[in-house]
PDB file of N, CA and C in Angstrom:
ATOM      1  N   ILE A   1     126.447 158.267 123.939  1.00  0.00           N
ATOM      2  CA  ILE A   1     127.159 158.172 122.519  1.00  0.00           C
ATOM      3  C   ILE A   1     128.256 157.276 122.638  1.00  0.00           C
ATOM      4  N   GLY A   2     128.147 156.162 123.661  1.00  0.00           N
ATOM      5  CA  GLY A   2     129.627 154.965 123.772  1.00  0.00           C
ATOM      6  C   GLY A   2     129.050 154.349 122.459  1.00  0.00           C
ATOM      7  N   PRO A   3     127.876 153.748 122.278  1.00  0.00           N
ATOM      8  CA  PRO A   3     127.450 152.211 121.492  1.00  0.00           C
ATOM      9  C   PRO A   3     127.647 153.381 120.082  1.00  0.00           C
ATOM     10  N   TRP A   4     127.137 154.514 119.906  1.00  0.00           N
ATOM     11  CA  TRP A   4     127.083 154.982 118.806  1.00  0.00           C
ATOM     12  C   TRP A   4     128.449 155.627 118.215  1.00  0.00           C
ATOM     13  N   LYS A   5     129.081 155.713 119.105  1.00  0.00           N
ATOM     14  CA  LYS A   5     130.719 155.826 118.835  1.00  0.00           C
ATOM     15  C   LYS A   5     131.685 154.665 118.202  1.00  0.00           C
ATOM     16  N   LEU A   6     131.275 153.559 119.037  1.00  0.00           N
ATOM     17  CA  LEU A   6     132.034 152.396 118.511  1.00  0.00           C
ATOM     18  C   LEU A   6     131.552 152.006 117.080  1.00  0.00           C
ATOM     19  N   ALA A   7     130.108 152.213 116.844  1.00  0.00           N
ATOM     20  CA  ALA A   7     129.608 151.730 115.646  1.00  0.00           C
ATOM     21  C   ALA A   7     130.286 152.541 114.598  1.00  0.00           C
ATOM     22  N   ILE A   8     130.473 153.652 114.853  1.00  0.00           N
ATOM     23  CA  ILE A   8     130.799 154.850 113.946  1.00  0.00           C
ATOM     24  C   ILE A   8     132.005 154.394 113.670  1.00  0.00           C
ATOM     25  N   ARG A   9     133.301 153.964 114.623  1.00  0.00           N
ATOM     26  CA  ARG A   9     134.629 153.985 114.581  1.00  0.00           C
ATOM     27  C   ARG A   9     134.505 152.490 113.459  1.00  0.00           C
ATOM     28  N   GLU A  10     133.587 151.549 113.633  1.00  0.00           N
ATOM     29  CA  GLU A  10     133.609 150.214 112.996  1.00  0.00           C
ATOM     30  C   GLU A  10     132.905 150.366 111.671  1.00  0.00           C
ATOM     31  N   LEU A  11     132.563 151.372 111.457  1.00  0.00           N
ATOM     32  CA  LEU A  11     131.652 151.816 109.997  1.00  0.00           C
ATOM     33  C   LEU A  11     132.937 152.104 109.249  1.00  0.00           C
ATOM     34  N   ALA A  12     133.837 153.260 109.735  1.00  0.00           N
ATOM     35  CA  ALA A  12     135.195 153.952 109.203  1.00  0.00           C
ATOM     36  C   ALA A  12     136.097 152.950 109.038  1.00  0.00           C
ATOM     37  N   SER A  13     136.573 152.059 109.725  1.00  0.00           N
ATOM     38  CA  SER A  13     137.276 150.868 109.594  1.00  0.00           C
ATOM     39  C   SER A  13     137.348 150.522 108.071  1.00  0.00           C
ATOM     40  N   HIS A  14     136.246 150.533 107.410  1.00  0.00           N
ATOM     41  CA  HIS A  14     136.115 150.311 106.100  1.00  0.00           C
ATOM     42  C   HIS A  14     136.320 151.184 104.751  1.00  0.00           C
ATOM     43  N   PRO A  15     137.692 150.828 104.178  1.00  0.00           N
ATOM     44  CA  PRO A  15     137.757 152.418 103.761  1.00  0.00           C
ATOM     45  C   PRO A  15     137.284 153.143 102.423  1.00  0.00           C
ATOM     46  N   ASN A  16     136.120 151.813 101.842  1.00  0.00           N
ATOM     47  CA  ASN A  16     135.033 152.095 100.866  1.00  0.00           C
ATOM     48  C   ASN A  16     134.266 152.841 102.091  1.00  0.00           C
ATOM     49  N   VAL A  17     134.428 153.258 102.714  1.00  0.00           N
ATOM     50  CA  VAL A  17     132.562 153.968 103.493  1.00  0.00           C
ATOM     51  C   VAL A  17     132.770 155.353 103.684  1.00  0.00           C
ATOM     52  N   SER A  18     132.087 156.454 103.028  1.00  0.00           N
ATOM     53  CA  SER A  18     131.969 157.599 103.836  1.00  0.00           C
ATOM     54  C   SER A  18     130.716 157.647 104.629  1.00  0.00           C
ATOM     55  N   CYS A  19     130.455 159.025 105.110  1.00  0.00           N
ATOM     56  CA  CYS A  19     129.633 159.539 105.706  1.00  0.00           C
ATOM     57  C   CYS A  19     129.251 160.772 105.576  1.00  0.00           C
ATOM     58  N   LYS A  20     127.670 161.178 105.545  1.00  0.00           N
ATOM     59  CA  LYS A  20     127.196 162.411 105.419  1.00  0.00           C
ATOM     60  C   LYS A  20     126.835 162.540 106.970  1.00  0.00           C
ATOM     61  N   VAL A  21     127.073 164.137 107.160  1.00  0.00           N
ATOM     62  CA  VAL A  21     126.924 164.960 108.492  1.00  0.00           C
ATOM     63  C   VAL A  21     125.636 165.488 108.419  1.00  0.00           C
ATOM     64  N   SER A  22     124.613 165.075 108.541  1.00  0.00           N
ATOM     65  CA  SER A  22     123.041 165.016 108.872  1.00  0.00           C
ATOM     66  C   SER A  22     122.343 164.882 109.722  1.00  0.00           C
ATOM     67  N   GLY A  23     121.015 165.499 109.913  1.00  0.00           N
ATOM     68  CA  GLY A  23     119.919 164.981 110.939  1.00  0.00           C
ATOM     69  C   GLY A  23     120.532 165.265 112.163  1.00  0.00           C
ATOM     70  N   MET A  24     121.545 165.874 112.394  1.00  0.00           N
ATOM     71  CA  MET A  24     121.852 166.187 114.285  1.00  0.00           C
ATOM     72  C   MET A  24     120.833 166.968 114.902  1.00  0.00           C
ATOM     73  N   VAL A  25     120.133 167.735 114.548  1.00  0.00           N
ATOM     74  CA  VAL A  25     119.507 168.439 115.368  1.00  0.00           C
ATOM     75  C   VAL A  25     117.766 167.895 115.840  1.00  0.00           C
ATOM     76  N   THR A  26     117.495 167.047 114.873  1.00  0.00           N
ATOM     77  CA  THR A  26     116.471 166.450 115.177  1.00  0.00           C
ATOM     78  C   THR A  26     116.301 164.884 115.916  1.00  0.00           C
ATOM     79  N   GLU A  27     117.633 165.004 116.485  1.00  0.00           N
ATOM     80  CA  GLU A  27     118.091 163.848 117.215  1.00  0.00           C
ATOM     81  C   GLU A  27     118.385 164.466 118.833  1.00  0.00           C
ATOM     82  N   ALA A  28     118.351 165.743 118.760  1.00  0.00           N
ATOM     83  CA  ALA A  28     118.307 166.471 120.020  1.00  0.00           C
ATOM     84  C   ALA A  28     117.048 166.976 120.812  1.00  0.00           C
ATOM     85  N   ASP A  29     117.140 167.478 121.918  1.00  0.00           N
ATOM     86  CA  ASP A  29     115.726 168.165 122.277  1.00  0.00           C
ATOM     87  C   ASP A  29     115.656 169.515 121.178  1.00  0.00           C
ATOM     88  N   HIS A  30     114.704 169.165 120.670  1.00  0.00           N
ATOM     89  CA  HIS A  30     113.860 170.143 119.838  1.00  0.00           C
ATOM     90  C   HIS A  30     114.305 171.628 120.150  1.00  0.00           C
ATOM     91  N   SER A  31     113.803 172.067 121.540  1.00  0.00           N
ATOM     92  CA  SER A  31     113.582 173.017 121.703  1.00  0.00           C
ATOM     93  C   SER A  31     115.038 173.537 122.701  1.00  0.00           C
ATOM     94  N   ALA A  32     115.738 172.617 123.105  1.00  0.00           N
ATOM     95  CA  ALA A  32     116.918 173.031 123.862  1.00  0.00           C
ATOM     96  C   ALA A  32     118.183 172.754 123.468  1.00  0.00           C
ATOM     97  N   TRP A  33     118.696 172.733 122.531  1.00  0.00           N
ATOM     98  CA  TRP A  33     119.528 171.989 122.128  1.00  0.00           C
ATOM     99  C   TRP A  33     120.700 173.679 122.083  1.00  0.00           C
ATOM    100  N   GLY A  34     121.969 173.159 122.028  1.00  0.00           N
ATOM    101  CA  GLY A  34     123.126 174.024 121.750  1.00  0.00           C
ATOM    102  C   GLY A  34     124.117 173.619 120.914  1.00  0.00           C
ATOM    103  N   GLU A  35     125.045 174.448 120.050  1.00  0.00           N
ATOM    104  CA  GLU A  35     126.080 173.725 119.417  1.00  0.00           C
ATOM    105  C   GLU A  35     126.948 172.961 120.320  1.00  0.00           C
ATOM    106  N   PRO A  36     127.335 173.289 121.788  1.00  0.00           N
ATOM    107  CA  PRO A  36     128.003 172.249 122.506  1.00  0.00           C
ATOM    108  C   PRO A  36     127.471 171.092 122.711  1.00  0.00           C
ATOM    109  N   ASP A  37     126.113 170.941 122.696  1.00  0.00           N
ATOM    110  CA  ASP A  37     125.726 169.454 122.301  1.00  0.00           C
ATOM    111  C   ASP A  37     126.279 168.465 121.000  1.00  0.00           C
ATOM    112  N   PHE A  38     126.747 168.766 120.516  1.00  0.00           N
ATOM    113  CA  PHE A  38     127.229 168.450 119.362  1.00  0.00           C
ATOM    114  C   PHE A  38     128.831 168.250 118.985  1.00  0.00           C
ATOM    115  N   GLU A  39     129.448 168.731 119.685  1.00  0.00           N
ATOM    116  CA  GLU A  39     130.748 168.760 119.638  1.00  0.00           C
ATOM    117  C   GLU A  39     131.608 167.760 119.747  1.00  0.00           C
ATOM    118  N   PRO A  40     131.172 166.447 120.924  1.00  0.00           N
ATOM    119  CA  PRO A  40     131.388 165.199 120.986  1.00  0.00           C
ATOM    120  C   PRO A  40     131.214 164.334 119.567  1.00  0.00           C
ATOM    121  N   TYR A  41     130.147 164.380 119.224  1.00  0.00           N
ATOM    122  CA  TYR A  41     129.753 163.659 118.006  1.00  0.00           C
ATOM    123  C   TYR A  41     130.346 163.896 116.825  1.00  0.00           C
ATOM    124  N   LEU A  42     130.403 165.301 116.438  1.00  0.00           N
ATOM    125  CA  LEU A  42     131.384 165.825 115.580  1.00  0.00           C
ATOM    126  C   LEU A  42     132.853 165.455 115.691  1.00  0.00           C
ATOM    127  N   ASP A  43     133.279 165.479 116.759  1.00  0.00           N
ATOM    128  CA  ASP A  43     134.781 165.066 117.206  1.00  0.00           C
ATOM    129  C   ASP A  43     134.758 163.646 116.778  1.00  0.00           C
ATOM    130  N   VAL A  44     133.937 162.692 116.917  1.00  0.00           N
ATOM    131  CA  VAL A  44     134.146 161.384 117.043  1.00  0.00           C
ATOM    132  C   VAL A  44     133.875 160.704 115.153  1.00  0.00           C
ATOM    133  N   ALA A  45     132.764 161.863 114.440  1.00  0.00           N
ATOM    134  CA  ALA A  45     132.648 161.650 112.990  1.00  0.00           C
ATOM    135  C   ALA A  45     134.164 161.905 112.269  1.00  0.00           C
ATOM    136  N   PHE A  46     134.584 162.937 112.824  1.00  0.00           N
ATOM    137  CA  PHE A  46     135.859 163.710 112.171  1.00  0.00           C
ATOM    138  C   PHE A  46     137.092 162.723 112.356  1.00  0.00           C
ATOM    139  N   GLU A  47     136.922 162.538 113.681  1.00  0.00           N
ATOM    140  CA  GLU A  47     138.279 161.622 114.245  1.00  0.00           C
ATOM    141  C   GLU A  47     138.030 160.134 113.108  1.00  0.00           C
ATOM    142  N   ALA A  48     137.284 159.879 113.109  1.00  0.00           N
ATOM    143  CA  ALA A  48     137.118 158.525 112.390  1.00  0.00           C
ATOM    144  C   ALA A  48     137.154 158.444 110.680  1.00  0.00           C
ATOM    145  N   PHE A  49     136.133 159.439 110.103  1.00  0.00           N
ATOM    146  CA  PHE A  49     136.470 159.308 108.650  1.00  0.00           C
ATOM    147  C   PHE A  49     136.987 160.189 108.251  1.00  0.00           C
ATOM    148  N   GLY A  50     138.001 161.531 109.053  1.00  0.00           N
ATOM    149  CA  GLY A  50     138.509 162.208 108.633  1.00  0.00           C
ATOM    150  C   GLY A  50     137.599 163.429 107.637  1.00  0.00           C
ATOM    151  N   TYR A  51     138.418 164.191 107.300  1.00  0.00           N
ATOM    152  CA  TYR A  51     137.529 165.549 106.427  1.00  0.00           C
ATOM    153  C   TYR A  51     137.532 164.804 105.236  1.00  0.00           C
ATOM    154  N   HIS A  52     138.387 164.279 104.863  1.00  0.00           N
ATOM    155  CA  HIS A  52     137.974 163.680 103.208  1.00  0.00           C
ATOM    156  C   HIS A  52     136.998 162.589 102.926  1.00  0.00           C
ATOM    157  N   ARG A  53     136.616 162.070 104.225  1.00  0.00           N
ATOM    158  CA  ARG A  53     135.308 160.902 104.122  1.00  0.00           C
ATOM    159  C   ARG A  53     133.974 161.471 104.251  1.00  0.00           C
ATOM    160  N   LEU A  54     134.010 162.788 104.580  1.00  0.00           N
ATOM    161  CA  LEU A  54     132.745 162.919 105.119  1.00  0.00           C
ATOM    162  C   LEU A  54     132.340 164.581 104.313  1.00  0.00           C
ATOM    163  N   MET A  55     131.041 164.358 104.424  1.00  0.00           N
ATOM    164  CA  MET A  55     130.195 165.474 103.904  1.00  0.00           C
ATOM    165  C   MET A  55     128.958 166.036 104.232  1.00  0.00           C
ATOM    166  N   PHE A  56     128.851 167.292 103.927  1.00  0.00           N
ATOM    167  CA  PHE A  56     127.493 167.536 105.042  1.00  0.00           C
ATOM    168  C   PHE A  56     126.143 167.684 103.965  1.00  0.00           C
ATOM    169  N   GLY A  57     125.520 167.551 104.766  1.00  0.00           N
ATOM    170  CA  GLY A  57     123.990 167.223 104.597  1.00  0.00           C
ATOM    171  C   GLY A  57     122.870 168.375 105.557  1.00  0.00           C
ATOM    172  N   SER A  58     122.228 169.175 105.024  1.00  0.00           N
ATOM    173  CA  SER A  58     121.372 169.463 105.789  1.00  0.00           C
ATOM    174  C   SER A  58     119.984 168.887 106.592  1.00  0.00           C
ATOM    175  N   ASP A  59     119.716 168.023 105.957  1.00  0.00           N
ATOM    176  CA  ASP A  59     118.593 167.205 106.433  1.00  0.00           C
ATOM    177  C   ASP A  59     117.067 168.220 106.138  1.00  0.00           C
ATOM    178  N   TRP A  60     117.383 168.894 105.437  1.00  0.00           N
ATOM    179  CA  TRP A  60     116.151 169.717 104.826  1.00  0.00           C
ATOM    180  C   TRP A  60     115.314 169.154 104.407  1.00  0.00           C
ATOM    181  N   PRO A  61     114.036 169.368 104.413  1.00  0.00           N
ATOM    182  CA  PRO A  61     112.988 169.706 105.326  1.00  0.00           C
ATOM    183  C   PRO A  61     112.751 169.323 107.027  1.00  0.00           C
ATOM    184  N   VAL A  62     113.426 168.134 107.308  1.00  0.00           N
ATOM    185  CA  VAL A  62     113.279 167.454 108.251  1.00  0.00           C
ATOM    186  C   VAL A  62     113.820 168.753 109.340  1.00  0.00           C
ATOM    187  N   CYS A  63     115.032 169.111 109.258  1.00  0.00           N
ATOM    188  CA  CYS A  63     115.595 169.799 110.170  1.00  0.00           C
ATOM    189  C   CYS A  63     115.028 170.863 110.733  1.00  0.00           C
ATOM    190  N   LEU A  64     113.734 171.328 110.011  1.00  0.00           N
ATOM    191  CA  LEU A  64     112.795 172.578 110.669  1.00  0.00           C
ATOM    192  C   LEU A  64     112.156 172.138 111.698  1.00  0.00           C
ATOM    193  N   LEU A  65     112.080 170.961 111.931  1.00  0.00           N
ATOM    194  CA  LEU A  65     111.617 170.382 113.256  1.00  0.00           C
ATOM    195  C   LEU A  65     111.918 170.564 114.598  1.00  0.00           C
ATOM    196  N   ALA A  66     113.570 171.097 114.345  1.00  0.00           N
ATOM    197  CA  ALA A  66     114.401 171.490 115.575  1.00  0.00           C
ATOM    198  C   ALA A  66     115.043 172.265 114.966  1.00  0.00           C
ATOM    199  N   GLY A  67     115.229 173.558 114.097  1.00  0.00           N
ATOM    200  CA  GLY A  67     115.873 174.565 113.885  1.00  0.00           C
ATOM    201  C   GLY A  67     115.549 175.141 112.670  1.00  0.00           C
ATOM    202  N   ASN A  68     116.144 176.027 112.156  1.00  0.00           N
ATOM    203  CA  ASN A  68     115.988 176.313 110.597  1.00  0.00           C
ATOM    204  C   ASN A  68     117.370 175.871 109.786  1.00  0.00           C
ATOM    205  N   TYR A  69     117.116 176.350 108.668  1.00  0.00           N
ATOM    206  CA  TYR A  69     118.054 175.712 107.748  1.00  0.00           C
ATOM    207  C   TYR A  69     119.530 176.296 107.843  1.00  0.00           C
ATOM    208  N   ARG A  70     119.432 177.954 107.978  1.00  0.00           N
ATOM    209  CA  ARG A  70     120.778 178.435 108.482  1.00  0.00           C
ATOM    210  C   ARG A  70     121.451 178.112 109.551  1.00  0.00           C
ATOM    211  N   THR A  71     120.577 177.961 110.644  1.00  0.00           N
ATOM    212  CA  THR A  71     121.118 177.529 111.752  1.00  0.00           C
ATOM    213  C   THR A  71     121.727 176.177 112.175  1.00  0.00           C
ATOM    214  N   VAL A  72     121.349 175.482 110.980  1.00  0.00           N
ATOM    215  CA  VAL A  72     122.049 173.645 111.138  1.00  0.00           C
ATOM    216  C   VAL A  72     123.232 173.978 110.087  1.00  0.00           C
ATOM    217  N   ILE A  73     123.239 174.997 109.268  1.00  0.00           N
ATOM    218  CA  ILE A  73     124.538 174.994 108.787  1.00  0.00           C
ATOM    219  C   ILE A  73     125.606 175.899 109.499  1.00  0.00           C
ATOM    220  N   GLU A  74     125.266 177.126 110.195  1.00  0.00           N
ATOM    221  CA  GLU A  74     126.306 177.442 111.017  1.00  0.00           C
ATOM    222  C   GLU A  74     126.427 176.648 112.209  1.00  0.00           C
ATOM    223  N   LEU A  75     125.844 175.765 112.674  1.00  0.00           N
ATOM    224  CA  LEU A  75     126.308 174.657 113.773  1.00  0.00           C
ATOM    225  C   LEU A  75     127.440 174.097 113.022  1.00  0.00           C
ATOM    226  N   VAL A  76     127.300 173.807 111.782  1.00  0.00           N
ATOM    227  CA  VAL A  76     128.488 172.546 111.459  1.00  0.00           C
ATOM    228  C   VAL A  76     129.476 173.763 110.842  1.00  0.00           C
ATOM    229  N   GLU A  77     129.356 175.023 110.412  1.00  0.00           N
ATOM    230  CA  GLU A  77     130.401 175.908 109.940  1.00  0.00           C
ATOM    231  C   GLU A  77     130.896 176.289 111.179  1.00  0.00           C
ATOM    232  N   ASN A  78     130.665 176.295 112.032  1.00  0.00           N
ATOM    233  CA  ASN A  78     131.628 176.900 113.577  1.00  0.00           C
ATOM    234  C   ASN A  78     132.205 176.067 113.663  1.00  0.00           C
ATOM    235  N   TYR A  79     132.107 174.574 113.759  1.00  0.00           N
ATOM    236  CA  TYR A  79     132.763 173.461 113.919  1.00  0.00           C
ATOM    237  C   TYR A  79     133.934 173.602 113.036  1.00  0.00           C
ATOM    238  N   VAL A  80     133.812 173.367 111.860  1.00  0.00           N
ATOM    239  CA  VAL A  80     134.866 173.156 111.046  1.00  0.00           C
ATOM    240  C   VAL A  80     135.652 174.669 110.616  1.00  0.00           C
ATOM    241  N   LYS A  81     135.375 175.520 111.008  1.00  0.00           N
ATOM    242  CA  LYS A  81     136.149 176.573 110.829  1.00  0.00           C
ATOM    243  C   LYS A  81     137.201 176.643 112.040  1.00  0.00           C
ATOM    244  N   ARG A  82     136.454 176.173 113.221  1.00  0.00           N
ATOM    245  CA  ARG A  82     137.358 176.015 114.145  1.00  0.00           C
ATOM    246  C   ARG A  82     138.608 174.946 114.315  1.00  0.00           C
ATOM    247  N   HIS A  83     138.158 173.503 113.423  1.00  0.00           N
ATOM    248  CA  HIS A  83     138.789 172.363 113.037  1.00  0.00           C
ATOM    249  C   HIS A  83     139.475 172.175 112.153  1.00  0.00           C
ATOM    250  N   LEU A  84     139.128 172.615 110.591  1.00  0.00           N
ATOM    251  CA  LEU A  84     139.432 172.242 109.319  1.00  0.00           C
ATOM    252  C   LEU A  84     140.411 173.469 109.107  1.00  0.00           C
ATOM    253  N   ARG A  85     141.426 173.150 108.328  1.00  0.00           N
ATOM    254  CA  ARG A  85     142.176 174.200 107.385  1.00  0.00           C
ATOM    255  C   ARG A  85     141.011 174.358 106.014  1.00  0.00           C
ATOM    256  N   LEU A  86     141.386 175.475 105.402  1.00  0.00           N
ATOM    257  CA  LEU A  86     140.642 176.261 104.045  1.00  0.00           C
ATOM    258  C   LEU A  86     140.438 174.932 103.174  1.00  0.00           C
ATOM    259  N   ARG A  87     141.530 174.432 102.944  1.00  0.00           N
ATOM    260  CA  ARG A  87     141.306 172.988 101.911  1.00  0.00           C
ATOM    261  C   ARG A  87     140.445 172.164 102.485  1.00  0.00           C
ATOM    262  N   GLU A  88     140.517 171.849 103.652  1.00  0.00           N
ATOM    263  CA  GLU A  88     139.811 170.745 104.416  1.00  0.00           C
ATOM    264  C   GLU A  88     138.458 171.129 104.041  1.00  0.00           C
ATOM    265  N   GLN A  89     138.001 172.381 104.631  1.00  0.00           N
ATOM    266  CA  GLN A  89     136.826 172.812 104.426  1.00  0.00           C
ATOM    267  C   GLN A  89     136.275 172.429 103.297  1.00  0.00           C
ATOM    268  N   GLU A  90     136.637 173.077 102.425  1.00  0.00           N
ATOM    269  CA  GLU A  90     136.356 172.988 100.951  1.00  0.00           C
ATOM    270  C   GLU A  90     135.878 171.537 100.435  1.00  0.00           C
ATOM    271  N   ALA A  91     136.754 170.508 100.794  1.00  0.00           N
ATOM    272  CA  ALA A  91     136.650 169.354 100.601  1.00  0.00           C
ATOM    273  C   ALA A  91     135.388 168.731 101.461  1.00  0.00           C
ATOM    274  N   PHE A  92     135.593 169.094 102.536  1.00  0.00           N
ATOM    275  CA  PHE A  92     133.967 168.728 103.165  1.00  0.00           C
ATOM    276  C   PHE A  92     132.700 169.609 102.975  1.00  0.00           C
ATOM    277  N   TRP A  93     132.720 170.878 102.305  1.00  0.00           N
ATOM    278  CA  TRP A  93     131.240 171.383 102.049  1.00  0.00           C
ATOM    279  C   TRP A  93     130.761 171.290 100.554  1.00  0.00           C
ATOM    280  N   GLY A  94     131.941 170.711  99.685  1.00  0.00           N
ATOM    281  CA  GLY A  94     131.582 170.420  98.303  1.00  0.00           C
ATOM    282  C   GLY A  94     132.477 169.352  97.187  1.00  0.00           C
ATOM    283  N   GLN A  95     133.907 169.257  97.928  1.00  0.00           N
ATOM    284  CA  GLN A  95     134.497 168.475  96.968  1.00  0.00           C
ATOM    285  C   GLN A  95     134.118 166.928  97.075  1.00  0.00           C
ATOM    286  N   ASN A  96     133.693 166.679  98.414  1.00  0.00           N
ATOM    287  CA  ASN A  96     133.751 165.367  98.394  1.00  0.00           C
ATOM    288  C   ASN A  96     132.397 164.609  97.946  1.00  0.00           C
ATOM    289  N   CYS A  97     131.599 165.820  97.872  1.00  0.00           N
ATOM    290  CA  CYS A  97     130.297 165.393  97.447  1.00  0.00           C
ATOM    291  C   CYS A  97     130.316 165.006  96.030  1.00  0.00           C
ATOM    292  N   GLN A  98     130.883 166.158  95.202  1.00  0.00           N
ATOM    293  CA  GLN A  98     131.208 165.495  93.614  1.00  0.00           C
ATOM    294  C   GLN A  98     131.878 164.028  93.553  1.00  0.00           C
ATOM    295  N   ARG A  99     133.160 163.994  94.247  1.00  0.00           N
ATOM    296  CA  ARG A  99     133.611 162.794  94.159  1.00  0.00           C
ATOM    297  C   ARG A  99     132.866 161.576  94.824  1.00  0.00           C
ATOM    298  N   PHE A 100     131.858 161.534  95.750  1.00  0.00           N
ATOM    299  CA  PHE A 100     131.123 160.407  96.248  1.00  0.00           C
ATOM    300  C   PHE A 100     129.736 160.056  95.366  1.00  0.00           C
ATOM    301  N   TYR A 101     129.154 161.252  94.928  1.00  0.00           N
ATOM    302  CA  TYR A 101     128.023 161.093  94.037  1.00  0.00           C
ATOM    303  C   TYR A 101     128.514 160.819  92.705  1.00  0.00           C
ATOM    304  N   LEU A 102     129.667 161.944  92.226  1.00  0.00           N
ATOM    305  CA  LEU A 102     130.090 161.273  90.635  1.00  0.00           C
ATOM    306  C   LEU A 102     131.311 160.478  90.380  1.00  0.00           C
ATOM    307  N   SER A 103     131.639 159.792  91.463  1.00  0.00           N
ATOM    308  CA  SER A 103     132.573 158.574  91.494  1.00  0.00           C
ATOM    309  C   SER A 103     133.664 159.234  90.127  1.00  0.00           C
ATOM    310  N   ARG A 104     134.159 160.381  90.769  1.00  0.00           N
ATOM    311  CA  ARG A 104     135.321 160.793  89.828  1.00  0.00           C
ATOM    312  C   ARG A 104     136.156 161.939  90.767  1.00  0.00           C
ATOM    313  N   PRO A 105     137.199 161.787  90.270  1.00  0.00           N
ATOM    314  CA  PRO A 105     138.240 162.937  91.032  1.00  0.00           C
ATOM    315  C   PRO A 105     137.962 164.050  91.211  1.00  0.00           C
ATOM    316  N   VAL A 106     137.799 164.845  91.691  1.00  0.00           N
ATOM    317  CA  VAL A 106     137.778 166.154  91.896  1.00  0.00           C
ATOM    318  C   VAL A 106     139.024 166.898  91.655  1.00  0.00           C
ATOM    319  N   SER A 107     139.010 167.669  90.673  1.00  0.00           N
ATOM    320  CA  SER A 107     140.622 168.595  90.339  1.00  0.00           C
ATOM    321  C   SER A 107     140.545 169.658  91.469  1.00  0.00           C
TER     322      SER A 107
END
């Protein structure tokens, strides 16, 4: 995780850069991963970018190599429920996407 962590922090140091949380399960052991495996990576992403510069991406259909769509969503959902307030969760799950892709403020 060390080199990746440094690279993520470097990217996040640029205020114009945002990040999509996606593709995690296909980077793990396809048949033996568990939610705790991803906690340190999610911690780094949220610490580096903050909830306001991150958005969710399912990585569907590629995620099917290592899990199903619902499992991938639940993995991240369980994390954000433990770490983010409701307003922050709403931003992560949808409002940030609108802002990133439509380049307009979300009301």
